[in-house]
N, C-alpha and C. Protein backbone atom coordinates (compact mmCIF):
# COMPACT_ATOMS: atom_id res chain seq x y z
N MET A 1 -76.60 -26.61 100.52
CA MET A 1 -76.26 -25.24 100.89
C MET A 1 -77.04 -24.27 99.99
N SER A 2 -77.97 -23.61 100.59
CA SER A 2 -78.74 -22.61 99.86
C SER A 2 -78.94 -21.43 100.79
N TRP A 3 -78.07 -20.45 100.67
CA TRP A 3 -78.09 -19.32 101.59
C TRP A 3 -78.90 -18.17 101.02
N THR A 4 -79.70 -17.56 101.89
CA THR A 4 -80.47 -16.39 101.51
C THR A 4 -79.65 -15.13 101.69
N ASN A 5 -78.81 -15.11 102.72
CA ASN A 5 -78.04 -13.92 103.07
C ASN A 5 -76.54 -14.17 102.88
N ILE A 6 -75.87 -13.23 102.25
CA ILE A 6 -74.43 -13.36 102.03
C ILE A 6 -73.73 -12.14 102.61
N LEU A 7 -72.88 -12.38 103.60
CA LEU A 7 -72.07 -11.31 104.18
C LEU A 7 -70.74 -11.24 103.45
N PHE A 8 -70.31 -10.04 103.11
CA PHE A 8 -69.05 -9.84 102.40
C PHE A 8 -68.12 -8.96 103.21
N ASP A 9 -66.87 -9.39 103.30
CA ASP A 9 -65.80 -8.51 103.71
C ASP A 9 -65.65 -7.45 102.61
N LEU A 10 -65.02 -6.34 102.92
CA LEU A 10 -64.82 -5.28 101.92
C LEU A 10 -63.43 -5.32 101.32
N ASP A 11 -62.41 -5.02 102.14
CA ASP A 11 -61.04 -4.94 101.64
C ASP A 11 -60.53 -6.30 101.21
N GLY A 12 -60.13 -6.42 99.95
CA GLY A 12 -59.60 -7.68 99.46
C GLY A 12 -60.65 -8.66 99.01
N THR A 13 -61.93 -8.26 99.12
CA THR A 13 -63.02 -9.14 98.72
C THR A 13 -63.91 -8.47 97.68
N LEU A 14 -64.30 -7.23 97.93
CA LEU A 14 -65.07 -6.46 96.96
C LEU A 14 -64.18 -5.47 96.22
N THR A 15 -63.23 -4.89 96.93
CA THR A 15 -62.31 -3.93 96.32
C THR A 15 -60.87 -4.25 96.72
N ASP A 16 -59.96 -3.77 95.89
CA ASP A 16 -58.53 -3.88 96.19
C ASP A 16 -58.09 -2.55 96.80
N PRO A 17 -57.82 -2.52 98.11
CA PRO A 17 -57.52 -1.27 98.80
C PRO A 17 -56.03 -1.01 98.98
N LYS A 18 -55.19 -1.74 98.24
CA LYS A 18 -53.76 -1.76 98.54
C LYS A 18 -53.13 -0.38 98.62
N VAL A 19 -53.35 0.45 97.62
CA VAL A 19 -52.66 1.74 97.56
C VAL A 19 -53.00 2.60 98.76
N GLY A 20 -54.29 2.75 99.05
CA GLY A 20 -54.71 3.63 100.13
C GLY A 20 -54.26 3.16 101.50
N ILE A 21 -54.42 1.87 101.75
CA ILE A 21 -54.07 1.34 103.07
C ILE A 21 -52.56 1.35 103.28
N THR A 22 -51.82 0.84 102.33
CA THR A 22 -50.37 0.73 102.54
C THR A 22 -49.69 2.10 102.59
N THR A 23 -50.20 3.05 101.82
CA THR A 23 -49.64 4.40 101.88
C THR A 23 -49.92 5.03 103.24
N ALA A 24 -51.15 4.85 103.73
CA ALA A 24 -51.51 5.41 105.04
C ALA A 24 -50.68 4.76 106.15
N VAL A 25 -50.45 3.45 106.06
CA VAL A 25 -49.63 2.78 107.07
C VAL A 25 -48.20 3.28 107.02
N SER A 26 -47.66 3.46 105.81
CA SER A 26 -46.27 3.92 105.70
C SER A 26 -46.12 5.31 106.32
N LYS A 27 -47.11 6.16 106.16
CA LYS A 27 -47.06 7.50 106.75
C LYS A 27 -47.19 7.43 108.27
N ALA A 28 -48.01 6.51 108.77
CA ALA A 28 -48.12 6.34 110.22
C ALA A 28 -46.79 5.84 110.80
N LEU A 29 -46.16 4.89 110.15
CA LEU A 29 -44.89 4.37 110.63
C LEU A 29 -43.80 5.44 110.58
N ALA A 30 -43.86 6.31 109.57
CA ALA A 30 -42.86 7.37 109.45
C ALA A 30 -42.89 8.30 110.65
N HIS A 31 -44.06 8.46 111.26
CA HIS A 31 -44.17 9.29 112.46
C HIS A 31 -43.29 8.75 113.58
N PHE A 32 -43.05 7.43 113.56
CA PHE A 32 -42.23 6.79 114.59
C PHE A 32 -40.79 6.56 114.11
N GLY A 33 -40.46 7.18 112.98
CA GLY A 33 -39.11 7.05 112.45
C GLY A 33 -38.85 5.76 111.70
N ILE A 34 -39.92 5.05 111.33
CA ILE A 34 -39.79 3.77 110.61
C ILE A 34 -40.07 4.02 109.14
N ARG A 35 -39.08 3.77 108.29
CA ARG A 35 -39.25 3.96 106.85
C ARG A 35 -39.57 2.62 106.21
N GLU A 36 -40.72 2.53 105.61
CA GLU A 36 -41.15 1.26 105.01
C GLU A 36 -41.85 1.55 103.69
N GLU A 37 -41.50 0.80 102.66
CA GLU A 37 -42.16 0.96 101.38
C GLU A 37 -43.58 0.40 101.46
N PRO A 38 -44.55 1.10 100.85
CA PRO A 38 -45.93 0.61 100.89
C PRO A 38 -46.09 -0.84 100.41
N ASP A 39 -45.32 -1.24 99.41
CA ASP A 39 -45.45 -2.61 98.88
C ASP A 39 -45.12 -3.67 99.92
N ASN A 40 -44.43 -3.29 100.99
CA ASN A 40 -44.07 -4.25 102.04
C ASN A 40 -45.11 -4.31 103.16
N LEU A 41 -46.23 -3.62 102.98
CA LEU A 41 -47.18 -3.46 104.08
C LEU A 41 -48.54 -4.08 103.79
N THR A 42 -48.61 -5.01 102.86
CA THR A 42 -49.90 -5.62 102.53
C THR A 42 -50.46 -6.47 103.66
N ALA A 43 -49.64 -6.86 104.63
CA ALA A 43 -50.15 -7.63 105.77
C ALA A 43 -51.15 -6.82 106.60
N PHE A 44 -51.16 -5.51 106.41
CA PHE A 44 -52.11 -4.66 107.13
C PHE A 44 -53.50 -4.70 106.52
N ILE A 45 -53.64 -5.28 105.34
CA ILE A 45 -54.94 -5.31 104.68
C ILE A 45 -55.77 -6.45 105.26
N GLY A 46 -56.84 -6.10 105.95
CA GLY A 46 -57.73 -7.11 106.51
C GLY A 46 -57.86 -7.04 108.02
N PRO A 47 -56.79 -7.32 108.77
CA PRO A 47 -56.90 -7.33 110.23
C PRO A 47 -57.15 -5.94 110.81
N PRO A 48 -57.65 -5.86 112.03
CA PRO A 48 -57.76 -4.56 112.70
C PRO A 48 -56.40 -3.89 112.81
N LEU A 49 -56.37 -2.59 112.57
CA LEU A 49 -55.11 -1.86 112.54
C LEU A 49 -54.35 -1.92 113.86
N LEU A 50 -55.05 -1.76 114.97
CA LEU A 50 -54.37 -1.81 116.27
C LEU A 50 -53.59 -3.10 116.43
N ASP A 51 -54.24 -4.21 116.10
CA ASP A 51 -53.58 -5.51 116.22
C ASP A 51 -52.34 -5.58 115.35
N SER A 52 -52.45 -5.08 114.11
CA SER A 52 -51.34 -5.19 113.17
C SER A 52 -50.14 -4.37 113.61
N PHE A 53 -50.38 -3.15 114.10
CA PHE A 53 -49.24 -2.34 114.57
C PHE A 53 -48.55 -3.01 115.76
N GLU A 54 -49.32 -3.63 116.64
CA GLU A 54 -48.74 -4.30 117.80
C GLU A 54 -48.01 -5.58 117.39
N GLU A 55 -48.65 -6.38 116.54
CA GLU A 55 -48.10 -7.69 116.19
C GLU A 55 -46.93 -7.59 115.21
N LEU A 56 -47.03 -6.68 114.25
CA LEU A 56 -46.01 -6.63 113.19
C LEU A 56 -44.84 -5.72 113.53
N TYR A 57 -45.07 -4.73 114.40
CA TYR A 57 -44.00 -3.78 114.71
C TYR A 57 -43.73 -3.65 116.21
N GLY A 58 -44.38 -4.47 117.01
CA GLY A 58 -44.10 -4.48 118.43
C GLY A 58 -44.52 -3.22 119.16
N PHE A 59 -45.48 -2.50 118.62
CA PHE A 59 -45.94 -1.27 119.27
C PHE A 59 -46.66 -1.59 120.57
N THR A 60 -46.52 -0.70 121.54
CA THR A 60 -47.34 -0.78 122.74
C THR A 60 -48.77 -0.38 122.37
N PRO A 61 -49.76 -0.70 123.22
CA PRO A 61 -51.13 -0.26 122.93
C PRO A 61 -51.23 1.24 122.70
N GLU A 62 -50.47 2.01 123.48
CA GLU A 62 -50.52 3.47 123.33
C GLU A 62 -49.91 3.91 121.99
N GLN A 63 -48.80 3.28 121.61
CA GLN A 63 -48.20 3.61 120.32
C GLN A 63 -49.12 3.21 119.17
N ALA A 64 -49.77 2.06 119.31
CA ALA A 64 -50.68 1.59 118.26
C ALA A 64 -51.85 2.55 118.09
N GLU A 65 -52.37 3.05 119.19
CA GLU A 65 -53.48 4.01 119.11
C GLU A 65 -53.05 5.29 118.38
N LEU A 66 -51.84 5.76 118.68
CA LEU A 66 -51.34 6.95 117.99
C LEU A 66 -51.10 6.65 116.52
N ALA A 67 -50.60 5.45 116.23
CA ALA A 67 -50.36 5.07 114.83
C ALA A 67 -51.67 5.06 114.04
N VAL A 68 -52.75 4.60 114.64
CA VAL A 68 -54.05 4.60 113.97
C VAL A 68 -54.51 6.03 113.69
N ILE A 69 -54.27 6.93 114.65
CA ILE A 69 -54.61 8.34 114.44
C ILE A 69 -53.84 8.90 113.24
N LYS A 70 -52.55 8.58 113.18
CA LYS A 70 -51.72 9.07 112.07
C LYS A 70 -52.15 8.43 110.75
N TYR A 71 -52.50 7.17 110.79
CA TYR A 71 -53.02 6.47 109.61
C TYR A 71 -54.25 7.19 109.08
N ARG A 72 -55.16 7.53 109.96
CA ARG A 72 -56.43 8.14 109.53
C ARG A 72 -56.26 9.55 109.01
N GLU A 73 -55.19 10.23 109.43
CA GLU A 73 -54.94 11.57 108.90
C GLU A 73 -54.80 11.53 107.38
N TYR A 74 -54.18 10.47 106.88
CA TYR A 74 -54.06 10.31 105.43
C TYR A 74 -55.28 9.62 104.85
N PHE A 75 -55.69 8.51 105.48
CA PHE A 75 -56.73 7.67 104.89
C PHE A 75 -58.05 8.41 104.77
N SER A 76 -58.40 9.21 105.78
CA SER A 76 -59.71 9.88 105.77
C SER A 76 -59.81 10.92 104.67
N VAL A 77 -58.67 11.43 104.19
CA VAL A 77 -58.67 12.45 103.16
C VAL A 77 -58.43 11.85 101.77
N TYR A 78 -57.43 10.97 101.67
CA TYR A 78 -57.01 10.45 100.37
C TYR A 78 -57.20 8.94 100.23
N GLY A 79 -56.81 8.20 101.26
CA GLY A 79 -56.68 6.76 101.11
C GLY A 79 -57.97 6.03 100.81
N TRP A 80 -59.08 6.51 101.38
CA TRP A 80 -60.35 5.81 101.17
C TRP A 80 -60.71 5.73 99.69
N ALA A 81 -60.33 6.75 98.91
CA ALA A 81 -60.67 6.78 97.48
C ALA A 81 -59.66 6.03 96.62
N GLU A 82 -58.55 5.60 97.23
CA GLU A 82 -57.52 4.87 96.47
C GLU A 82 -57.82 3.38 96.51
N ASN A 83 -59.02 3.07 96.09
CA ASN A 83 -59.52 1.70 96.03
C ASN A 83 -59.75 1.34 94.57
N ASP A 84 -59.76 0.05 94.29
CA ASP A 84 -60.12 -0.43 92.96
C ASP A 84 -61.13 -1.55 93.10
N PRO A 85 -62.38 -1.35 92.73
CA PRO A 85 -63.31 -2.49 92.71
C PRO A 85 -62.73 -3.58 91.80
N TYR A 86 -62.86 -4.82 92.22
CA TYR A 86 -62.32 -5.91 91.40
C TYR A 86 -63.05 -5.98 90.06
N PRO A 87 -62.33 -6.34 89.01
CA PRO A 87 -62.97 -6.45 87.69
C PRO A 87 -64.18 -7.39 87.75
N ASP A 88 -65.25 -6.99 87.10
CA ASP A 88 -66.49 -7.78 86.99
C ASP A 88 -67.25 -7.90 88.30
N ILE A 89 -66.87 -7.13 89.34
CA ILE A 89 -67.55 -7.29 90.63
C ILE A 89 -69.02 -6.85 90.53
N GLU A 90 -69.32 -5.84 89.72
CA GLU A 90 -70.71 -5.40 89.63
C GLU A 90 -71.58 -6.44 88.95
N THR A 91 -71.08 -7.05 87.91
CA THR A 91 -71.83 -8.13 87.25
C THR A 91 -72.07 -9.28 88.21
N PHE A 92 -71.06 -9.62 88.97
CA PHE A 92 -71.15 -10.67 89.98
C PHE A 92 -72.23 -10.35 91.02
N LEU A 93 -72.20 -9.14 91.54
CA LEU A 93 -73.17 -8.75 92.56
C LEU A 93 -74.58 -8.68 92.00
N GLN A 94 -74.71 -8.16 90.79
CA GLN A 94 -76.05 -8.08 90.17
C GLN A 94 -76.63 -9.47 89.98
N THR A 95 -75.80 -10.43 89.62
CA THR A 95 -76.27 -11.81 89.45
C THR A 95 -76.82 -12.36 90.76
N LEU A 96 -76.13 -12.10 91.86
CA LEU A 96 -76.60 -12.56 93.16
C LEU A 96 -77.92 -11.91 93.53
N VAL A 97 -78.02 -10.61 93.29
CA VAL A 97 -79.28 -9.91 93.59
C VAL A 97 -80.42 -10.46 92.73
N ASP A 98 -80.13 -10.74 91.47
CA ASP A 98 -81.15 -11.22 90.54
C ASP A 98 -81.73 -12.57 90.94
N VAL A 99 -80.91 -13.37 91.64
CA VAL A 99 -81.43 -14.69 92.06
C VAL A 99 -81.97 -14.64 93.49
N GLY A 100 -82.10 -13.42 94.04
CA GLY A 100 -82.80 -13.26 95.30
C GLY A 100 -81.96 -13.27 96.56
N LYS A 101 -80.65 -13.11 96.42
CA LYS A 101 -79.80 -13.08 97.61
C LYS A 101 -79.81 -11.69 98.26
N LYS A 102 -79.80 -11.66 99.58
CA LYS A 102 -79.63 -10.39 100.30
C LYS A 102 -78.16 -10.24 100.63
N LEU A 103 -77.56 -9.13 100.21
CA LEU A 103 -76.13 -8.91 100.37
C LEU A 103 -75.89 -7.88 101.46
N VAL A 104 -74.89 -8.17 102.30
CA VAL A 104 -74.55 -7.32 103.43
C VAL A 104 -73.03 -7.21 103.52
N VAL A 105 -72.52 -6.01 103.71
CA VAL A 105 -71.09 -5.83 103.97
C VAL A 105 -70.84 -5.94 105.47
N ALA A 106 -69.83 -6.72 105.85
CA ALA A 106 -69.39 -6.83 107.24
C ALA A 106 -67.88 -6.64 107.26
N THR A 107 -67.44 -5.43 107.60
CA THR A 107 -66.03 -5.08 107.53
C THR A 107 -65.54 -4.49 108.84
N SER A 108 -64.27 -4.75 109.15
CA SER A 108 -63.65 -4.15 110.34
C SER A 108 -63.23 -2.71 110.08
N LYS A 109 -63.34 -2.26 108.86
CA LYS A 109 -63.08 -0.85 108.55
C LYS A 109 -64.15 0.01 109.22
N PRO A 110 -63.80 1.19 109.72
CA PRO A 110 -64.84 2.06 110.28
C PRO A 110 -66.00 2.24 109.31
N GLU A 111 -67.20 2.14 109.83
CA GLU A 111 -68.39 2.17 108.97
C GLU A 111 -68.45 3.46 108.15
N GLU A 112 -68.03 4.56 108.73
CA GLU A 112 -68.04 5.83 108.00
C GLU A 112 -67.26 5.71 106.70
N TYR A 113 -66.08 5.09 106.75
CA TYR A 113 -65.25 4.93 105.55
C TYR A 113 -65.87 3.89 104.61
N ALA A 114 -66.37 2.81 105.18
CA ALA A 114 -66.94 1.74 104.35
C ALA A 114 -68.11 2.25 103.52
N VAL A 115 -69.01 3.00 104.16
CA VAL A 115 -70.15 3.55 103.43
C VAL A 115 -69.69 4.50 102.34
N ARG A 116 -68.70 5.34 102.67
CA ARG A 116 -68.19 6.30 101.70
C ARG A 116 -67.60 5.59 100.48
N ILE A 117 -66.84 4.53 100.74
CA ILE A 117 -66.21 3.77 99.65
C ILE A 117 -67.27 3.10 98.78
N MET A 118 -68.23 2.44 99.43
CA MET A 118 -69.26 1.72 98.68
C MET A 118 -70.09 2.67 97.82
N GLU A 119 -70.40 3.83 98.35
CA GLU A 119 -71.19 4.80 97.58
C GLU A 119 -70.36 5.41 96.45
N HIS A 120 -69.11 5.73 96.74
CA HIS A 120 -68.24 6.36 95.75
C HIS A 120 -68.05 5.49 94.52
N PHE A 121 -67.91 4.18 94.74
CA PHE A 121 -67.66 3.27 93.62
C PHE A 121 -68.93 2.62 93.08
N GLY A 122 -70.09 3.09 93.53
CA GLY A 122 -71.35 2.61 92.97
C GLY A 122 -71.73 1.20 93.37
N LEU A 123 -71.20 0.72 94.49
CA LEU A 123 -71.49 -0.66 94.91
C LEU A 123 -72.61 -0.75 95.95
N SER A 124 -72.93 0.35 96.60
CA SER A 124 -73.90 0.28 97.70
C SER A 124 -75.28 -0.13 97.24
N LYS A 125 -75.61 0.12 95.99
CA LYS A 125 -76.95 -0.21 95.50
C LYS A 125 -77.25 -1.71 95.50
N TYR A 126 -76.22 -2.53 95.58
CA TYR A 126 -76.42 -3.97 95.59
C TYR A 126 -76.64 -4.52 97.00
N PHE A 127 -76.45 -3.68 98.01
CA PHE A 127 -76.39 -4.17 99.39
C PHE A 127 -77.54 -3.64 100.24
N ALA A 128 -78.06 -4.53 101.05
CA ALA A 128 -79.12 -4.15 101.99
C ALA A 128 -78.56 -3.33 103.14
N LEU A 129 -77.28 -3.56 103.47
CA LEU A 129 -76.65 -2.90 104.61
C LEU A 129 -75.14 -2.91 104.43
N VAL A 130 -74.51 -1.80 104.80
CA VAL A 130 -73.05 -1.75 104.92
C VAL A 130 -72.74 -1.60 106.40
N CYS A 131 -72.22 -2.65 107.00
CA CYS A 131 -71.94 -2.67 108.43
C CYS A 131 -70.43 -2.65 108.65
N GLY A 132 -69.95 -1.65 109.37
CA GLY A 132 -68.53 -1.57 109.69
C GLY A 132 -68.33 -1.41 111.17
N ALA A 133 -67.14 -0.99 111.53
CA ALA A 133 -66.78 -0.85 112.93
C ALA A 133 -67.08 0.57 113.42
N PRO A 134 -67.39 0.72 114.71
CA PRO A 134 -67.44 2.06 115.28
C PRO A 134 -66.04 2.67 115.18
N MET A 135 -65.97 3.98 115.07
CA MET A 135 -64.68 4.63 114.79
C MET A 135 -63.65 4.41 115.89
N ASN A 136 -64.05 4.44 117.15
CA ASN A 136 -63.06 4.37 118.24
C ASN A 136 -63.42 3.34 119.29
N ASP A 137 -63.80 2.15 118.84
CA ASP A 137 -64.14 1.05 119.74
C ASP A 137 -63.49 -0.23 119.21
N PRO A 138 -62.21 -0.47 119.58
CA PRO A 138 -61.47 -1.59 119.01
C PRO A 138 -62.15 -2.94 119.16
N GLU A 139 -62.76 -3.20 120.31
CA GLU A 139 -63.40 -4.50 120.52
C GLU A 139 -64.58 -4.68 119.58
N ALA A 140 -65.37 -3.64 119.39
CA ALA A 140 -66.52 -3.73 118.49
C ALA A 140 -66.09 -3.81 117.04
N GLY A 141 -64.81 -3.49 116.77
CA GLY A 141 -64.31 -3.56 115.42
C GLY A 141 -63.70 -4.89 115.04
N ARG A 142 -63.60 -5.80 115.99
CA ARG A 142 -63.08 -7.13 115.66
C ARG A 142 -64.12 -7.89 114.84
N LYS A 143 -63.64 -8.78 113.98
CA LYS A 143 -64.53 -9.39 113.00
C LYS A 143 -65.71 -10.15 113.62
N PRO A 144 -65.52 -10.92 114.68
CA PRO A 144 -66.70 -11.59 115.26
C PRO A 144 -67.79 -10.61 115.66
N ALA A 145 -67.39 -9.48 116.26
CA ALA A 145 -68.37 -8.49 116.70
C ALA A 145 -69.05 -7.81 115.52
N VAL A 146 -68.27 -7.52 114.47
CA VAL A 146 -68.84 -6.88 113.28
C VAL A 146 -69.85 -7.81 112.61
N ILE A 147 -69.50 -9.08 112.49
CA ILE A 147 -70.42 -10.03 111.86
C ILE A 147 -71.69 -10.18 112.68
N LYS A 148 -71.55 -10.26 113.99
CA LYS A 148 -72.73 -10.35 114.86
C LYS A 148 -73.63 -9.14 114.69
N SER A 149 -73.03 -7.95 114.66
CA SER A 149 -73.79 -6.73 114.49
C SER A 149 -74.48 -6.70 113.13
N ALA A 150 -73.76 -7.10 112.09
CA ALA A 150 -74.34 -7.11 110.74
C ALA A 150 -75.55 -8.03 110.66
N MET A 151 -75.42 -9.19 111.27
CA MET A 151 -76.53 -10.16 111.24
C MET A 151 -77.74 -9.61 111.98
N GLN A 152 -77.51 -9.01 113.12
CA GLN A 152 -78.62 -8.46 113.90
C GLN A 152 -79.30 -7.32 113.16
N ARG A 153 -78.52 -6.42 112.61
CA ARG A 153 -79.08 -5.25 111.94
C ARG A 153 -79.79 -5.61 110.63
N ALA A 154 -79.30 -6.64 109.96
CA ALA A 154 -79.89 -7.03 108.68
C ALA A 154 -80.95 -8.13 108.83
N GLY A 155 -81.11 -8.63 110.05
CA GLY A 155 -82.10 -9.68 110.27
C GLY A 155 -81.74 -11.01 109.65
N CYS A 156 -80.47 -11.39 109.76
CA CYS A 156 -79.99 -12.64 109.16
C CYS A 156 -79.93 -13.75 110.20
N ARG A 157 -80.47 -14.91 109.85
CA ARG A 157 -80.38 -16.09 110.72
C ARG A 157 -79.15 -16.90 110.34
N PRO A 158 -78.47 -17.49 111.33
CA PRO A 158 -77.26 -18.27 111.02
C PRO A 158 -77.49 -19.38 109.99
N GLU A 159 -78.63 -20.01 110.07
CA GLU A 159 -78.88 -21.15 109.16
C GLU A 159 -79.08 -20.71 107.71
N ASP A 160 -79.31 -19.41 107.48
CA ASP A 160 -79.54 -18.92 106.12
C ASP A 160 -78.41 -18.04 105.61
N THR A 161 -77.28 -18.01 106.32
CA THR A 161 -76.27 -16.98 106.06
C THR A 161 -74.88 -17.58 105.89
N VAL A 162 -74.08 -16.97 105.01
CA VAL A 162 -72.69 -17.37 104.79
C VAL A 162 -71.83 -16.12 104.76
N MET A 163 -70.57 -16.26 105.16
CA MET A 163 -69.61 -15.16 105.15
C MET A 163 -68.57 -15.39 104.06
N VAL A 164 -68.22 -14.32 103.32
CA VAL A 164 -67.21 -14.38 102.27
C VAL A 164 -66.10 -13.39 102.60
N GLY A 165 -64.86 -13.85 102.59
CA GLY A 165 -63.76 -12.94 102.87
C GLY A 165 -62.43 -13.52 102.41
N ASP A 166 -61.40 -12.67 102.46
CA ASP A 166 -60.10 -13.08 101.92
C ASP A 166 -59.04 -13.37 102.98
N ARG A 167 -59.37 -13.18 104.28
CA ARG A 167 -58.39 -13.43 105.31
C ARG A 167 -58.96 -14.34 106.40
N ARG A 168 -58.06 -14.85 107.25
CA ARG A 168 -58.48 -15.78 108.28
C ARG A 168 -59.46 -15.15 109.27
N HIS A 169 -59.35 -13.84 109.45
CA HIS A 169 -60.23 -13.15 110.39
C HIS A 169 -61.69 -13.28 109.96
N ASP A 170 -61.92 -13.31 108.65
CA ASP A 170 -63.28 -13.46 108.13
C ASP A 170 -63.81 -14.86 108.43
N VAL A 171 -62.96 -15.85 108.23
CA VAL A 171 -63.36 -17.24 108.48
C VAL A 171 -63.59 -17.48 109.96
N GLU A 172 -62.64 -17.04 110.77
CA GLU A 172 -62.76 -17.25 112.22
C GLU A 172 -63.94 -16.49 112.80
N GLY A 173 -64.16 -15.26 112.32
CA GLY A 173 -65.30 -14.48 112.78
C GLY A 173 -66.62 -15.12 112.41
N ALA A 174 -66.68 -15.69 111.21
CA ALA A 174 -67.89 -16.40 110.78
C ALA A 174 -68.16 -17.59 111.68
N HIS A 175 -67.13 -18.38 111.91
CA HIS A 175 -67.30 -19.59 112.72
C HIS A 175 -67.72 -19.26 114.15
N GLN A 176 -67.21 -18.17 114.69
CA GLN A 176 -67.59 -17.78 116.05
C GLN A 176 -69.05 -17.34 116.13
N ASN A 177 -69.64 -17.04 114.97
CA ASN A 177 -71.05 -16.68 114.93
C ASN A 177 -71.92 -17.80 114.35
N GLY A 178 -71.34 -18.99 114.24
CA GLY A 178 -72.10 -20.14 113.76
C GLY A 178 -72.36 -20.14 112.27
N LEU A 179 -71.52 -19.44 111.51
CA LEU A 179 -71.71 -19.36 110.06
C LEU A 179 -70.63 -20.15 109.32
N PRO A 180 -70.97 -20.71 108.16
CA PRO A 180 -69.94 -21.22 107.27
C PRO A 180 -69.24 -20.04 106.60
N ALA A 181 -68.04 -20.31 106.09
CA ALA A 181 -67.26 -19.23 105.47
C ALA A 181 -66.63 -19.69 104.17
N VAL A 182 -66.63 -18.77 103.21
CA VAL A 182 -65.94 -19.00 101.94
C VAL A 182 -64.71 -18.10 101.91
N GLY A 183 -63.54 -18.69 101.75
CA GLY A 183 -62.31 -17.92 101.61
C GLY A 183 -62.01 -17.70 100.14
N VAL A 184 -61.69 -16.46 99.77
CA VAL A 184 -61.36 -16.17 98.38
C VAL A 184 -59.87 -15.94 98.22
N LEU A 185 -59.34 -16.35 97.07
CA LEU A 185 -57.89 -16.32 96.85
C LEU A 185 -57.44 -15.17 95.98
N TYR A 186 -58.36 -14.34 95.49
CA TYR A 186 -57.95 -13.21 94.66
C TYR A 186 -57.60 -11.98 95.50
N GLY A 187 -57.79 -12.08 96.82
CA GLY A 187 -57.47 -10.97 97.71
C GLY A 187 -56.09 -11.11 98.31
N TYR A 188 -56.01 -11.05 99.66
CA TYR A 188 -54.71 -10.99 100.31
C TYR A 188 -54.42 -12.18 101.22
N GLY A 189 -55.28 -13.18 101.21
CA GLY A 189 -55.00 -14.41 101.93
C GLY A 189 -54.77 -15.54 100.94
N ASP A 190 -53.87 -16.46 101.26
CA ASP A 190 -53.61 -17.57 100.34
C ASP A 190 -54.31 -18.84 100.80
N ARG A 191 -54.18 -19.88 100.00
CA ARG A 191 -54.88 -21.13 100.28
C ARG A 191 -54.45 -21.72 101.63
N ALA A 192 -53.17 -21.63 101.94
CA ALA A 192 -52.69 -22.20 103.20
C ALA A 192 -53.35 -21.51 104.39
N GLU A 193 -53.51 -20.19 104.31
CA GLU A 193 -54.16 -19.45 105.39
C GLU A 193 -55.60 -19.91 105.57
N HIS A 194 -56.32 -20.06 104.48
CA HIS A 194 -57.73 -20.47 104.57
C HIS A 194 -57.88 -21.91 105.04
N GLU A 195 -56.98 -22.76 104.58
CA GLU A 195 -57.06 -24.16 105.02
C GLU A 195 -56.73 -24.27 106.50
N ALA A 196 -55.74 -23.49 106.95
CA ALA A 196 -55.33 -23.56 108.35
C ALA A 196 -56.43 -23.11 109.30
N CYS A 197 -57.25 -22.17 108.88
CA CYS A 197 -58.31 -21.67 109.77
C CYS A 197 -59.64 -22.36 109.52
N GLY A 198 -59.65 -23.34 108.62
CA GLY A 198 -60.84 -24.17 108.45
C GLY A 198 -61.94 -23.59 107.59
N ALA A 199 -61.57 -22.82 106.56
CA ALA A 199 -62.60 -22.31 105.64
C ALA A 199 -63.43 -23.46 105.10
N ASP A 200 -64.73 -23.28 105.06
CA ASP A 200 -65.62 -24.34 104.58
C ASP A 200 -65.54 -24.52 103.08
N TYR A 201 -65.28 -23.43 102.38
CA TYR A 201 -65.12 -23.45 100.92
C TYR A 201 -64.01 -22.47 100.58
N ILE A 202 -63.33 -22.73 99.46
CA ILE A 202 -62.29 -21.83 98.97
C ILE A 202 -62.54 -21.58 97.49
N ALA A 203 -62.55 -20.29 97.10
CA ALA A 203 -62.82 -19.92 95.71
C ALA A 203 -61.60 -19.22 95.12
N GLU A 204 -61.19 -19.68 93.96
CA GLU A 204 -60.04 -19.07 93.28
C GLU A 204 -60.37 -17.69 92.73
N ASP A 205 -61.59 -17.53 92.21
CA ASP A 205 -61.96 -16.29 91.53
C ASP A 205 -63.46 -16.06 91.67
N LEU A 206 -63.95 -14.97 91.07
CA LEU A 206 -65.37 -14.64 91.20
C LEU A 206 -66.27 -15.69 90.55
N SER A 207 -65.80 -16.29 89.48
CA SER A 207 -66.61 -17.31 88.82
C SER A 207 -66.83 -18.51 89.75
N GLU A 208 -65.77 -18.96 90.37
CA GLU A 208 -65.89 -20.09 91.30
C GLU A 208 -66.70 -19.69 92.53
N LEU A 209 -66.52 -18.46 93.00
CA LEU A 209 -67.29 -17.98 94.13
C LEU A 209 -68.78 -17.96 93.82
N LEU A 210 -69.14 -17.49 92.63
CA LEU A 210 -70.53 -17.45 92.23
C LEU A 210 -71.14 -18.85 92.23
N SER A 211 -70.39 -19.81 91.74
CA SER A 211 -70.88 -21.19 91.70
C SER A 211 -71.17 -21.71 93.10
N ILE A 212 -70.30 -21.37 94.06
CA ILE A 212 -70.50 -21.81 95.44
C ILE A 212 -71.74 -21.15 96.04
N LEU A 213 -71.92 -19.87 95.75
CA LEU A 213 -72.97 -19.11 96.43
C LEU A 213 -74.37 -19.35 95.88
N ILE A 214 -74.48 -19.82 94.64
CA ILE A 214 -75.82 -20.02 94.07
C ILE A 214 -76.13 -21.46 93.77
N SER A 215 -75.24 -22.37 94.18
CA SER A 215 -75.50 -23.78 93.89
C SER A 215 -76.56 -24.34 94.82
């Protein structure tokens, strides 16, 4: 395994977005009269928002669309900046760049927000491309579609590329595009989730992830 191109999920893989996402979700739910503490909403980190509102709270498609609008009212102003890059992530990324890897972000987050976050926290300089979802196209925002788009835009061949992410959507999206996937455990998915969806590799931390990616 010697990959030239490495695709990275954003939330839960490069940064910890818990505060911004869970606060925005709690405010969206409050619009529907649902009171929920942000700490109880970490399941929203990773999957597409529409899916999560429907699956976790039984919203109709129309309610889910309105919930996303309410979510963005907070997230677009405050939540996007309530991120924390993981400790040592810049050293990790610089090491990959130094050994000749091309790094690409592939996230289901709207690309507008993803680019803003990456630039704000000084991470964009390590990446050839930040690829996210179109703002109002749910199908194009699903992980398989985002990964396909990222590969096309960055000129990545399946045989030279690997996907890194913290949730099953990253692994499943990679596999649907013919890519191997590394599941990381420092984000919001656990070992059981990664094993159940067939992650090709599982990394406990950035040190173990680095060993997998440059071996």
